[in-house]
Amino acid sequence: MTERVYKIVRKTEWDKAQETGIFAGSEDDKRDGFIHLSSPSQVRATFARYFSGEDAALLVALETARFGPALKWELSRGGEKFPHLYAELPLTAIESAVPIRRGNDGRPIFPPQIP
């Protein structure tokens, strides 16, 4: 079974990555020295905490097997382990990137694989 992790990306960051073919990370990622990712069960809380005010964000899906030792699971928020990518992310390694839309109630709508 393939394990997936996710990156929430602002549209401006995604547009820049489209120009270069590489997502080098958000400002927070660059500050911390790795690309912050989330497991499927962590996506909603990550969005609520860091992206709730964003009107244009995308959910990027990645297969963990593609990254080998560059992907590490480390303790983070609330003592929970989060996936961190210690490398730039070539767009060719991305499984999918879909806009995070909002329902009529303003709440984000995620794909079914996000619990």
C-alpha atoms as a PDB file:
ATOM      1  CA  MET A   1       0.000   0.000   0.000  1.00  0.00           C
ATOM      2  CA  THR A   2       1.299   3.426  -0.914  1.00  0.00           C
ATOM      3  CA  GLU A   3       1.558   5.923   1.901  1.00  0.00           C
ATOM      4  CA  ARG A   4       0.806   9.512   1.022  1.00  0.00           C
ATOM      5  CA  VAL A   5       1.684  12.763   2.706  1.00  0.00           C
ATOM      6  CA  TYR A   6       0.462  16.211   1.839  1.00  0.00           C
ATOM      7  CA  LYS A   7       1.678  19.771   1.507  1.00  0.00           C
ATOM      8  CA  ILE A   8      -0.672  22.733   1.625  1.00  0.00           C
ATOM      9  CA  VAL A   9       0.698  25.328  -0.778  1.00  0.00           C
ATOM     10  CA  ARG A  10      -0.373  28.910  -1.312  1.00  0.00           C
ATOM     11  CA  LYS A  11      -1.242  29.709  -4.929  1.00  0.00           C
ATOM     12  CA  THR A  12       1.560  32.280  -5.164  1.00  0.00           C
ATOM     13  CA  GLU A  13       4.070  29.625  -4.016  1.00  0.00           C
ATOM     14  CA  TRP A  14       2.642  27.129  -6.506  1.00  0.00           C
ATOM     15  CA  ASP A  15       2.860  29.629  -9.369  1.00  0.00           C
ATOM     16  CA  LYS A  16       6.545  30.214  -8.581  1.00  0.00           C
ATOM     17  CA  ALA A  17       7.179  26.455  -8.478  1.00  0.00           C
ATOM     18  CA  GLN A  18       5.462  26.092 -11.857  1.00  0.00           C
ATOM     19  CA  GLU A  19       7.971  28.535 -13.335  1.00  0.00           C
ATOM     20  CA  THR A  20      11.014  26.674 -12.005  1.00  0.00           C
ATOM     21  CA  GLY A  21       9.735  23.081 -11.893  1.00  0.00           C
ATOM     22  CA  ILE A  22      10.749  22.846  -8.226  1.00  0.00           C
ATOM     23  CA  PHE A  23       8.956  23.702  -5.007  1.00  0.00           C
ATOM     24  CA  ALA A  24      11.752  25.001  -2.772  1.00  0.00           C
ATOM     25  CA  GLY A  25       9.442  25.579   0.196  1.00  0.00           C
ATOM     26  CA  SER A  26       7.395  28.326   1.750  1.00  0.00           C
ATOM     27  CA  GLU A  27       9.002  31.056   3.837  1.00  0.00           C
ATOM     28  CA  ASP A  28       8.292  28.934   6.943  1.00  0.00           C
ATOM     29  CA  ASP A  29       9.891  25.891   5.300  1.00  0.00           C
ATOM     30  CA  LYS A  30      12.987  27.847   4.346  1.00  0.00           C
ATOM     31  CA  ARG A  31      13.267  29.264   7.862  1.00  0.00           C
ATOM     32  CA  ASP A  32      13.040  25.787   9.414  1.00  0.00           C
ATOM     33  CA  GLY A  33      15.316  24.033   6.901  1.00  0.00           C
ATOM     34  CA  PHE A  34      12.790  21.481   5.622  1.00  0.00           C
ATOM     35  CA  ILE A  35       9.440  21.297   3.842  1.00  0.00           C
ATOM     36  CA  HIS A  36       6.597  20.849   6.324  1.00  0.00           C
ATOM     37  CA  LEU A  37       4.230  18.048   5.317  1.00  0.00           C
ATOM     38  CA  SER A  38       1.192  16.426   6.907  1.00  0.00           C
ATOM     39  CA  SER A  39      -0.210  12.924   7.071  1.00  0.00           C
ATOM     40  CA  PRO A  40      -3.825  12.558   5.882  1.00  0.00           C
ATOM     41  CA  SER A  41      -5.084  12.805   9.466  1.00  0.00           C
ATOM     42  CA  GLN A  42      -3.062  16.004  10.086  1.00  0.00           C
ATOM     43  CA  VAL A  43      -4.165  17.996   7.014  1.00  0.00           C
ATOM     44  CA  ARG A  44      -7.321  19.537   8.494  1.00  0.00           C
ATOM     45  CA  ALA A  45      -5.583  20.782  11.650  1.00  0.00           C
ATOM     46  CA  THR A  46      -2.653  22.156   9.631  1.00  0.00           C
ATOM     47  CA  PHE A  47      -5.048  24.015   7.347  1.00  0.00           C
ATOM     48  CA  ALA A  48      -7.016  25.396  10.301  1.00  0.00           C
ATOM     49  CA  ARG A  49      -3.891  26.578  12.096  1.00  0.00           C
ATOM     50  CA  TYR A  50      -1.833  28.037   9.247  1.00  0.00           C
ATOM     51  CA  PHE A  51      -4.020  28.469   6.165  1.00  0.00           C
ATOM     52  CA  SER A  52      -7.550  29.284   7.327  1.00  0.00           C
ATOM     53  CA  GLY A  53      -7.279  32.832   5.979  1.00  0.00           C
ATOM     54  CA  GLU A  54      -6.036  31.723   2.564  1.00  0.00           C
ATOM     55  CA  ASP A  55      -8.469  31.991  -0.326  1.00  0.00           C
ATOM     56  CA  ALA A  56      -6.233  30.245  -2.838  1.00  0.00           C
ATOM     57  CA  ALA A  57      -4.418  27.170  -1.556  1.00  0.00           C
ATOM     58  CA  LEU A  58      -3.706  23.780  -3.053  1.00  0.00           C
ATOM     59  CA  LEU A  59      -3.397  20.350  -1.536  1.00  0.00           C
ATOM     60  CA  VAL A  60      -0.364  18.571  -2.972  1.00  0.00           C
ATOM     61  CA  ALA A  61      -0.125  14.788  -2.582  1.00  0.00           C
ATOM     62  CA  LEU A  62       3.195  12.940  -2.439  1.00  0.00           C
ATOM     63  CA  GLU A  63       4.080   9.252  -2.212  1.00  0.00           C
ATOM     64  CA  THR A  64       6.465   8.777   0.694  1.00  0.00           C
ATOM     65  CA  ALA A  65       8.461   6.017  -1.035  1.00  0.00           C
ATOM     66  CA  ARG A  66       9.813   8.497  -3.601  1.00  0.00           C
ATOM     67  CA  PHE A  67      11.854  10.431  -1.059  1.00  0.00           C
ATOM     68  CA  GLY A  68      13.845   7.830   0.860  1.00  0.00           C
ATOM     69  CA  PRO A  69      15.933   9.186   3.740  1.00  0.00           C
ATOM     70  CA  ALA A  70      15.152  12.824   2.813  1.00  0.00           C
ATOM     71  CA  LEU A  71      11.702  12.286   4.376  1.00  0.00           C
ATOM     72  CA  LYS A  72      11.818  12.102   8.153  1.00  0.00           C
ATOM     73  CA  TRP A  73       9.022  11.728  10.693  1.00  0.00           C
ATOM     74  CA  GLU A  74       9.824  14.054  13.588  1.00  0.00           C
ATOM     75  CA  LEU A  75       8.136  15.242  16.742  1.00  0.00           C
ATOM     76  CA  SER A  76       6.369  18.523  16.259  1.00  0.00           C
ATOM     77  CA  ARG A  77       3.103  20.178  17.237  1.00  0.00           C
ATOM     78  CA  GLY A  78       1.590  18.600  20.325  1.00  0.00           C
ATOM     79  CA  GLY A  79       4.246  15.887  20.511  1.00  0.00           C
ATOM     80  CA  GLU A  80       2.905  14.309  17.313  1.00  0.00           C
ATOM     81  CA  LYS A  81       5.229  13.067  14.558  1.00  0.00           C
ATOM     82  CA  PHE A  82       4.976  14.999  11.305  1.00  0.00           C
ATOM     83  CA  PRO A  83       6.659  14.278   7.965  1.00  0.00           C
ATOM     84  CA  HIS A  84       9.464  16.706   7.070  1.00  0.00           C
ATOM     85  CA  LEU A  85      11.185  16.713   3.685  1.00  0.00           C
ATOM     86  CA  TYR A  86      14.853  17.688   3.801  1.00  0.00           C
ATOM     87  CA  ALA A  87      15.126  18.358   0.078  1.00  0.00           C
ATOM     88  CA  GLU A  88      13.584  20.504  -2.597  1.00  0.00           C
ATOM     89  CA  LEU A  89      10.476  19.043  -4.175  1.00  0.00           C
ATOM     90  CA  PRO A  90      10.606  18.531  -7.937  1.00  0.00           C
ATOM     91  CA  LEU A  91       7.140  18.933  -9.426  1.00  0.00           C
ATOM     92  CA  THR A  92       7.666  15.649 -11.291  1.00  0.00           C
ATOM     93  CA  ALA A  93       7.512  13.887  -7.883  1.00  0.00           C
ATOM     94  CA  ILE A  94       4.039  15.229  -7.118  1.00  0.00           C
ATOM     95  CA  GLU A  95       1.191  12.778  -7.431  1.00  0.00           C
ATOM     96  CA  SER A  96      -1.554  15.417  -7.559  1.00  0.00           C
ATOM     97  CA  ALA A  97      -2.260  19.051  -6.767  1.00  0.00           C
ATOM     98  CA  VAL A  98      -5.855  20.146  -6.280  1.00  0.00           C
ATOM     99  CA  PRO A  99      -7.306  23.479  -5.193  1.00  0.00           C
ATOM    100  CA  ILE A 100      -8.816  23.549  -1.720  1.00  0.00           C
ATOM    101  CA  ARG A 101     -12.292  24.854  -2.333  1.00  0.00           C
ATOM    102  CA  ARG A 102     -14.730  26.118   0.259  1.00  0.00           C
ATOM    103  CA  GLY A 103     -18.333  25.132   0.758  1.00  0.00           C
ATOM    104  CA  ASN A 104     -21.228  27.562   1.067  1.00  0.00           C
ATOM    105  CA  ASP A 105     -20.508  27.645   4.797  1.00  0.00           C
ATOM    106  CA  GLY A 106     -16.919  28.801   4.153  1.00  0.00           C
ATOM    107  CA  ARG A 107     -15.363  25.570   5.415  1.00  0.00           C
ATOM    108  CA  PRO A 108     -12.643  23.900   3.341  1.00  0.00           C
ATOM    109  CA  ILE A 109     -13.600  20.900   1.230  1.00  0.00           C
ATOM    110  CA  PHE A 110     -10.948  18.176   1.141  1.00  0.00           C
ATOM    111  CA  PRO A 111     -10.761  15.049  -1.015  1.00  0.00           C
ATOM    112  CA  PRO A 112     -12.256  11.856   0.477  1.00  0.00           C
ATOM    113  CA  GLN A 113      -8.836  10.471   1.487  1.00  0.00           C
ATOM    114  CA  ILE A 114      -8.520  13.265   4.072  1.00  0.00           C
ATOM    115  CA  PRO A 115     -10.440  12.136   7.175  1.00  0.00           C
END
